[in-house]
Amino acid sequence: MPTGDGQGWWLTGDAAVLTETPEEVQQLRLRGRMDGAIAFRGETGSPDLLSERRRHQAQELPLDAALLLPVDSAEWDERLVALVRCSEMSEVSGGWPALQSRLQQITACWMAAERPLAWYSCADLEPSTAGKWQRQRWQLWLQSQELDLDS
């Protein structure tokens, strides 16, 4: 993505609105991201790029699907959690706890803001028939699990 539009404006991927106060002072209010990136403590990260890194580093693991999702965090703005669907779990000595531990080891060297806060097994996890993630669907699934996501 180019950083400028040719007219001196810097393109960021942030969604914002320009408002005016009663004192006629203009203020720029950030509303979030337009590109799927997330904000954590002033840093911007791309779950898609992190998913690609995880895929490369965990090739030997029996993962059929994995999705990194942002969740609200009082301390960090947003944090990532990971949903995974595993194949052949019986082949993993120690089952889900061992696989979860291995995934945590793989991402341990990632920056704290990029490292998933938690890993959740989701047997139904899959992209749409068009091959795209329905992030809102999986956010709702995550919320339905009543998990403590701000640990």
C-alpha atoms as a PDB file:
ATOM      1  CA  MET A   1       0.000   0.000   0.000  1.00  0.00           C
ATOM      2  CA  PRO A   2       1.472   3.385  -0.926  1.00  0.00           C
ATOM      3  CA  THR A   3       2.039   5.768   1.963  1.00  0.00           C
ATOM      4  CA  GLY A   4       0.799   8.842   0.101  1.00  0.00           C
ATOM      5  CA  ASP A   5      -1.956   9.765  -2.302  1.00  0.00           C
ATOM      6  CA  GLY A   6       0.023  12.133  -4.526  1.00  0.00           C
ATOM      7  CA  GLN A   7      -1.581  15.183  -2.933  1.00  0.00           C
ATOM      8  CA  GLY A   8       0.385  15.112   0.295  1.00  0.00           C
ATOM      9  CA  TRP A   9      -2.064  13.006   2.313  1.00  0.00           C
ATOM     10  CA  TRP A  10      -0.652  10.047   4.222  1.00  0.00           C
ATOM     11  CA  LEU A  11      -2.633   6.808   3.829  1.00  0.00           C
ATOM     12  CA  THR A  12      -2.748   4.734   7.025  1.00  0.00           C
ATOM     13  CA  GLY A  13      -5.579   2.187   6.941  1.00  0.00           C
ATOM     14  CA  ASP A  14      -7.111   3.854  10.010  1.00  0.00           C
ATOM     15  CA  ALA A  15     -10.806   4.710   9.989  1.00  0.00           C
ATOM     16  CA  ALA A  16     -11.424   8.161  11.413  1.00  0.00           C
ATOM     17  CA  VAL A  17     -13.954  10.957  11.458  1.00  0.00           C
ATOM     18  CA  LEU A  18     -13.273  14.686  11.565  1.00  0.00           C
ATOM     19  CA  THR A  19     -15.548  16.418  14.076  1.00  0.00           C
ATOM     20  CA  GLU A  20     -15.949  19.954  15.259  1.00  0.00           C
ATOM     21  CA  THR A  21     -16.318  20.927  18.899  1.00  0.00           C
ATOM     22  CA  PRO A  22     -18.764  23.599  20.108  1.00  0.00           C
ATOM     23  CA  GLU A  23     -15.728  25.919  20.198  1.00  0.00           C
ATOM     24  CA  GLU A  24     -15.300  25.281  16.440  1.00  0.00           C
ATOM     25  CA  VAL A  25     -12.105  23.281  16.929  1.00  0.00           C
ATOM     26  CA  GLN A  26     -11.685  20.388  14.549  1.00  0.00           C
ATOM     27  CA  GLN A  27     -10.749  17.042  16.081  1.00  0.00           C
ATOM     28  CA  LEU A  28      -9.771  13.802  14.398  1.00  0.00           C
ATOM     29  CA  ARG A  29     -11.260  10.769  16.174  1.00  0.00           C
ATOM     30  CA  LEU A  30      -9.960   7.326  15.339  1.00  0.00           C
ATOM     31  CA  ARG A  31     -12.693   4.711  14.919  1.00  0.00           C
ATOM     32  CA  GLY A  32     -10.599   1.622  14.224  1.00  0.00           C
ATOM     33  CA  ARG A  33      -9.009  -0.044  11.219  1.00  0.00           C
ATOM     34  CA  MET A  34     -10.307  -0.558   7.694  1.00  0.00           C
ATOM     35  CA  ASP A  35      -7.842  -3.302   6.751  1.00  0.00           C
ATOM     36  CA  GLY A  36      -8.237  -5.979   9.426  1.00  0.00           C
ATOM     37  CA  ALA A  37      -5.120  -4.877  11.295  1.00  0.00           C
ATOM     38  CA  ILE A  38      -5.373  -4.497  15.049  1.00  0.00           C
ATOM     39  CA  ALA A  39      -3.968  -1.979  17.476  1.00  0.00           C
ATOM     40  CA  PHE A  40      -2.061  -3.034  20.552  1.00  0.00           C
ATOM     41  CA  ARG A  41      -0.454  -0.407  22.765  1.00  0.00           C
ATOM     42  CA  GLY A  42       0.044   1.972  19.885  1.00  0.00           C
ATOM     43  CA  GLU A  43       1.468  -0.709  17.587  1.00  0.00           C
ATOM     44  CA  THR A  44      -0.396  -1.979  14.551  1.00  0.00           C
ATOM     45  CA  GLY A  45      -0.278  -5.615  13.613  1.00  0.00           C
ATOM     46  CA  SER A  46      -1.742  -7.784  10.910  1.00  0.00           C
ATOM     47  CA  PRO A  47      -3.347 -11.054  12.012  1.00  0.00           C
ATOM     48  CA  ASP A  48      -2.992 -12.302   8.426  1.00  0.00           C
ATOM     49  CA  LEU A  49       0.792 -11.784   8.425  1.00  0.00           C
ATOM     50  CA  LEU A  50       1.088 -13.367  11.854  1.00  0.00           C
ATOM     51  CA  SER A  51      -1.023 -16.315  10.683  1.00  0.00           C
ATOM     52  CA  GLU A  52       1.366 -16.802   7.775  1.00  0.00           C
ATOM     53  CA  ARG A  53       4.352 -16.756  10.163  1.00  0.00           C
ATOM     54  CA  ARG A  54       2.633 -19.275  12.431  1.00  0.00           C
ATOM     55  CA  ARG A  55       1.802 -21.498   9.447  1.00  0.00           C
ATOM     56  CA  HIS A  56       5.449 -21.512   8.368  1.00  0.00           C
ATOM     57  CA  GLN A  57       6.760 -22.237  11.878  1.00  0.00           C
ATOM     58  CA  ALA A  58       4.209 -24.960  12.715  1.00  0.00           C
ATOM     59  CA  GLN A  59       4.259 -27.001   9.505  1.00  0.00           C
ATOM     60  CA  GLU A  60       4.802 -30.270  11.365  1.00  0.00           C
ATOM     61  CA  LEU A  61       1.721 -29.871  13.564  1.00  0.00           C
ATOM     62  CA  PRO A  62      -1.659 -31.418  12.648  1.00  0.00           C
ATOM     63  CA  LEU A  63      -3.467 -28.118  12.098  1.00  0.00           C
ATOM     64  CA  ASP A  64      -6.210 -28.050   9.482  1.00  0.00           C
ATOM     65  CA  ALA A  65      -7.144 -24.426  10.161  1.00  0.00           C
ATOM     66  CA  ALA A  66      -6.060 -21.576  12.394  1.00  0.00           C
ATOM     67  CA  LEU A  67      -7.409 -18.062  12.758  1.00  0.00           C
ATOM     68  CA  LEU A  68      -6.020 -15.198  14.815  1.00  0.00           C
ATOM     69  CA  LEU A  69      -8.703 -12.843  16.109  1.00  0.00           C
ATOM     70  CA  PRO A  70      -8.471  -9.600  18.055  1.00  0.00           C
ATOM     71  CA  VAL A  71     -10.275  -9.298  21.370  1.00  0.00           C
ATOM     72  CA  ASP A  72     -10.711  -6.146  23.438  1.00  0.00           C
ATOM     73  CA  SER A  73      -8.189  -5.688  26.201  1.00  0.00           C
ATOM     74  CA  ALA A  74      -8.247  -2.979  28.862  1.00  0.00           C
ATOM     75  CA  GLU A  75      -4.445  -3.067  29.101  1.00  0.00           C
ATOM     76  CA  TRP A  76      -3.493  -3.474  25.421  1.00  0.00           C
ATOM     77  CA  ASP A  77      -6.393  -1.981  23.368  1.00  0.00           C
ATOM     78  CA  GLU A  78      -6.654  -5.343  21.609  1.00  0.00           C
ATOM     79  CA  ARG A  79      -4.934  -8.704  21.972  1.00  0.00           C
ATOM     80  CA  LEU A  80      -4.896 -11.708  19.729  1.00  0.00           C
ATOM     81  CA  VAL A  81      -6.338 -15.113  20.469  1.00  0.00           C
ATOM     82  CA  ALA A  82      -6.073 -18.109  18.180  1.00  0.00           C
ATOM     83  CA  LEU A  83      -8.761 -20.548  17.130  1.00  0.00           C
ATOM     84  CA  VAL A  84      -7.493 -23.834  15.721  1.00  0.00           C
ATOM     85  CA  ARG A  85      -8.998 -26.933  14.175  1.00  0.00           C
ATOM     86  CA  CYS A  86      -6.792 -29.986  14.395  1.00  0.00           C
ATOM     87  CA  SER A  87      -6.627 -33.121  12.336  1.00  0.00           C
ATOM     88  CA  GLU A  88      -5.514 -36.419  13.705  1.00  0.00           C
ATOM     89  CA  MET A  89      -5.403 -35.241  17.312  1.00  0.00           C
ATOM     90  CA  SER A  90      -4.844 -38.872  18.260  1.00  0.00           C
ATOM     91  CA  GLU A  91      -1.413 -38.637  16.597  1.00  0.00           C
ATOM     92  CA  VAL A  92      -0.357 -35.895  19.018  1.00  0.00           C
ATOM     93  CA  SER A  93       1.071 -37.408  22.141  1.00  0.00           C
ATOM     94  CA  GLY A  94      -0.644 -35.635  25.028  1.00  0.00           C
ATOM     95  CA  GLY A  95      -3.613 -34.448  22.935  1.00  0.00           C
ATOM     96  CA  TRP A  96      -4.855 -30.859  22.932  1.00  0.00           C
ATOM     97  CA  PRO A  97      -2.850 -29.706  25.991  1.00  0.00           C
ATOM     98  CA  ALA A  98       0.392 -30.864  24.338  1.00  0.00           C
ATOM     99  CA  LEU A  99      -0.505 -29.218  21.033  1.00  0.00           C
ATOM    100  CA  GLN A 100      -1.497 -26.007  22.793  1.00  0.00           C
ATOM    101  CA  SER A 101       1.828 -26.018  24.631  1.00  0.00           C
ATOM    102  CA  ARG A 102       3.714 -26.556  21.365  1.00  0.00           C
ATOM    103  CA  LEU A 103       1.909 -23.632  19.729  1.00  0.00           C
ATOM    104  CA  GLN A 104       2.793 -21.440  22.713  1.00  0.00           C
ATOM    105  CA  GLN A 105       6.449 -22.509  22.370  1.00  0.00           C
ATOM    106  CA  ILE A 106       6.469 -21.667  18.655  1.00  0.00           C
ATOM    107  CA  THR A 107       5.151 -18.163  19.296  1.00  0.00           C
ATOM    108  CA  ALA A 108       7.134 -17.517  22.494  1.00  0.00           C
ATOM    109  CA  CYS A 109       9.771 -15.533  20.573  1.00  0.00           C
ATOM    110  CA  TRP A 110       7.155 -13.255  18.993  1.00  0.00           C
ATOM    111  CA  MET A 111       6.707  -9.762  20.398  1.00  0.00           C
ATOM    112  CA  ALA A 112       4.274  -9.832  23.320  1.00  0.00           C
ATOM    113  CA  ALA A 113       1.651  -7.851  21.429  1.00  0.00           C
ATOM    114  CA  GLU A 114       1.795 -10.303  18.493  1.00  0.00           C
ATOM    115  CA  ARG A 115       1.753 -13.475  20.555  1.00  0.00           C
ATOM    116  CA  PRO A 116      -1.715 -15.016  20.978  1.00  0.00           C
ATOM    117  CA  LEU A 117      -3.009 -14.550  24.499  1.00  0.00           C
ATOM    118  CA  ALA A 118      -4.672 -17.966  24.321  1.00  0.00           C
ATOM    119  CA  TRP A 119      -5.273 -20.877  21.942  1.00  0.00           C
ATOM    120  CA  TYR A 120      -8.731 -22.413  21.617  1.00  0.00           C
ATOM    121  CA  SER A 121      -9.731 -25.640  19.939  1.00  0.00           C
ATOM    122  CA  CYS A 122     -12.656 -25.094  17.580  1.00  0.00           C
ATOM    123  CA  ALA A 123     -13.804 -28.244  15.793  1.00  0.00           C
ATOM    124  CA  ASP A 124     -16.040 -26.287  13.370  1.00  0.00           C
ATOM    125  CA  LEU A 125     -13.415 -23.730  12.330  1.00  0.00           C
ATOM    126  CA  GLU A 126     -13.257 -23.289   8.573  1.00  0.00           C
ATOM    127  CA  PRO A 127     -13.274 -20.492   6.021  1.00  0.00           C
ATOM    128  CA  SER A 128     -16.295 -19.836   3.818  1.00  0.00           C
ATOM    129  CA  THR A 129     -16.780 -21.755   0.575  1.00  0.00           C
ATOM    130  CA  ALA A 130     -15.039 -18.786  -1.107  1.00  0.00           C
ATOM    131  CA  GLY A 131     -11.982 -19.462   1.095  1.00  0.00           C
ATOM    132  CA  LYS A 132     -12.372 -16.303   3.180  1.00  0.00           C
ATOM    133  CA  TRP A 133     -12.623 -16.042   6.927  1.00  0.00           C
ATOM    134  CA  GLN A 134     -15.940 -14.822   8.290  1.00  0.00           C
ATOM    135  CA  ARG A 135     -14.271 -13.030  11.179  1.00  0.00           C
ATOM    136  CA  GLN A 136     -17.539 -11.749  12.639  1.00  0.00           C
ATOM    137  CA  ARG A 137     -18.878 -15.333  12.786  1.00  0.00           C
ATOM    138  CA  TRP A 138     -15.821 -16.539  14.683  1.00  0.00           C
ATOM    139  CA  GLN A 139     -15.856 -13.480  16.978  1.00  0.00           C
ATOM    140  CA  LEU A 140     -19.434 -14.449  17.906  1.00  0.00           C
ATOM    141  CA  TRP A 141     -18.358 -18.059  18.449  1.00  0.00           C
ATOM    142  CA  LEU A 142     -15.573 -16.851  20.734  1.00  0.00           C
ATOM    143  CA  GLN A 143     -17.992 -14.672  22.714  1.00  0.00           C
ATOM    144  CA  SER A 144     -20.403 -17.602  23.064  1.00  0.00           C
ATOM    145  CA  GLN A 145     -17.730 -19.637  24.828  1.00  0.00           C
ATOM    146  CA  GLU A 146     -17.790 -17.322  27.887  1.00  0.00           C
ATOM    147  CA  LEU A 147     -14.022 -17.292  28.152  1.00  0.00           C
ATOM    148  CA  ASP A 148     -11.940 -14.906  30.254  1.00  0.00           C
ATOM    149  CA  LEU A 149     -10.265 -13.041  27.386  1.00  0.00           C
ATOM    150  CA  ASP A 150      -8.550 -10.224  29.308  1.00  0.00           C
ATOM    151  CA  SER A 151      -6.095 -12.234  31.354  1.00  0.00           C
END
